[in-house]
Amino acid sequence: INAEYMGAQQPSYQPPAAVGGAAGKGVFTPDKNQRALDVFRSVDRDRNGYLDLDEFMQAMTQLGANLSREDALCVFAVCDDDRNRWITEQEFVQHYTANYR
């Protein structure tokens, strides 16, 4: 993942119109927040509190966004606010609630 991640470009992936709001942003709801938390926790197989790329792709699939590996790398890079090459629970929930219905 390191070599792939380091070469990731800005994402070409855009959330489908069916999952984004009028401005391409979702609307926060407690249910949506809980759904993101539940999915994060279900795919964090090693229970380390972080998602690697494979776990991230699985989470996005469970949430209805079937991404190619290339698109997943780009979205992963956008979600990884602290650039540590892992997606934290907070980063994941924040990205999901801001960008998906």
Protein backbone atom coordinates (compact mmCIF):
# COMPACT_ATOMS: atom_id res chain seq x y z
CA ILE A 1 0.00 0.00 0.00
CA ASN A 2 2.84 2.45 0.69
CA ALA A 3 4.02 2.68 -2.91
CA GLU A 4 0.44 2.74 -4.16
CA TYR A 5 -0.58 5.35 -1.59
CA MET A 6 2.37 7.61 -2.26
CA GLY A 7 1.51 7.62 -5.97
CA ALA A 8 -2.19 8.29 -5.45
CA GLN A 9 -3.47 11.27 -7.37
CA GLN A 10 -6.43 13.46 -6.55
CA PRO A 11 -9.51 11.26 -6.76
CA SER A 12 -11.42 10.98 -9.98
CA TYR A 13 -14.12 9.23 -7.98
CA GLN A 14 -17.15 11.30 -7.09
CA PRO A 15 -19.96 9.94 -4.94
CA PRO A 16 -22.86 8.94 -7.17
CA ALA A 17 -25.67 11.50 -7.31
CA ALA A 18 -27.89 9.00 -5.51
CA VAL A 19 -25.74 9.15 -2.38
CA GLY A 20 -24.66 12.79 -2.34
CA GLY A 21 -26.79 15.78 -1.40
CA ALA A 22 -27.58 18.75 -3.61
CA ALA A 23 -24.03 20.05 -3.34
CA GLY A 24 -22.50 16.56 -3.34
CA LYS A 25 -22.54 16.51 0.45
CA GLY A 26 -24.53 14.29 2.72
CA VAL A 27 -26.57 15.43 5.66
CA PHE A 28 -25.48 14.41 9.16
CA THR A 29 -27.92 12.32 11.14
CA PRO A 30 -27.32 10.25 14.28
CA ASP A 31 -28.38 7.13 12.33
CA LYS A 32 -25.85 7.83 9.58
CA ASN A 33 -23.12 8.40 12.15
CA GLN A 34 -24.00 5.13 13.88
CA ARG A 35 -24.07 3.25 10.56
CA ALA A 36 -20.57 4.48 9.74
CA LEU A 37 -19.34 3.47 13.21
CA ASP A 38 -20.95 0.03 12.93
CA VAL A 39 -19.41 -0.60 9.51
CA PHE A 40 -15.98 0.64 10.63
CA ARG A 41 -16.02 -1.66 13.64
CA SER A 42 -17.24 -4.64 11.65
CA VAL A 43 -14.44 -4.42 9.07
CA ASP A 44 -11.62 -3.53 11.49
CA ARG A 45 -10.65 -7.21 11.59
CA ASP A 46 -7.58 -6.85 13.76
CA ARG A 47 -9.36 -4.41 16.12
CA ASN A 48 -6.48 -1.93 16.04
CA GLY A 49 -8.74 1.09 15.55
CA TYR A 50 -7.50 1.73 12.01
CA LEU A 51 -8.50 0.61 8.54
CA ASP A 52 -5.94 -0.48 5.97
CA LEU A 53 -6.82 -0.19 2.28
CA ASP A 54 -8.45 -3.64 2.06
CA GLU A 55 -10.58 -2.98 5.14
CA PHE A 56 -11.45 0.47 3.80
CA MET A 57 -12.58 -1.00 0.48
CA GLN A 58 -14.71 -3.55 2.33
CA ALA A 59 -16.30 -0.77 4.43
CA MET A 60 -17.08 1.33 1.38
CA THR A 61 -18.64 -1.71 -0.32
CA GLN A 62 -20.83 -2.32 2.74
CA LEU A 63 -21.94 1.32 2.52
CA GLY A 64 -22.84 0.95 -1.16
CA ALA A 65 -19.80 2.51 -2.84
CA ASN A 66 -18.13 -0.18 -4.93
CA LEU A 67 -14.76 1.34 -5.79
CA SER A 68 -12.01 0.12 -8.05
CA ARG A 69 -8.67 -0.25 -6.28
CA GLU A 70 -7.42 2.90 -8.02
CA ASP A 71 -10.44 4.95 -6.91
CA ALA A 72 -10.25 3.45 -3.42
CA LEU A 73 -6.61 4.59 -3.15
CA CYS A 74 -7.61 8.11 -4.09
CA VAL A 75 -10.55 8.25 -1.67
CA PHE A 76 -8.37 6.64 1.02
CA ALA A 77 -5.79 9.42 0.54
CA VAL A 78 -8.48 12.08 0.87
CA CYS A 79 -9.86 10.49 4.05
CA ASP A 80 -6.42 10.13 5.64
CA ASP A 81 -6.33 13.61 7.18
CA ASP A 82 -3.13 13.05 9.18
CA ARG A 83 -1.40 11.26 6.27
CA ASN A 84 -0.31 8.30 8.40
CA ARG A 85 -1.53 5.78 5.80
CA TRP A 86 -4.30 4.48 8.05
CA ILE A 87 -7.93 5.56 8.34
CA THR A 88 -9.03 6.17 11.91
CA GLU A 89 -12.58 5.75 13.10
CA GLN A 90 -12.92 9.54 13.30
CA GLU A 91 -11.56 10.07 9.77
CA PHE A 92 -13.87 7.40 8.38
CA VAL A 93 -17.02 8.64 10.10
CA GLN A 94 -16.24 12.26 9.21
CA HIS A 95 -15.73 11.41 5.53
CA TYR A 96 -18.80 9.22 5.31
CA THR A 97 -21.15 11.66 7.06
CA ALA A 98 -19.88 14.58 4.95
CA ASN A 99 -20.11 12.84 1.59
CA TYR A 100 -22.82 10.15 1.64
CA ARG A 101 -26.48 9.84 2.45
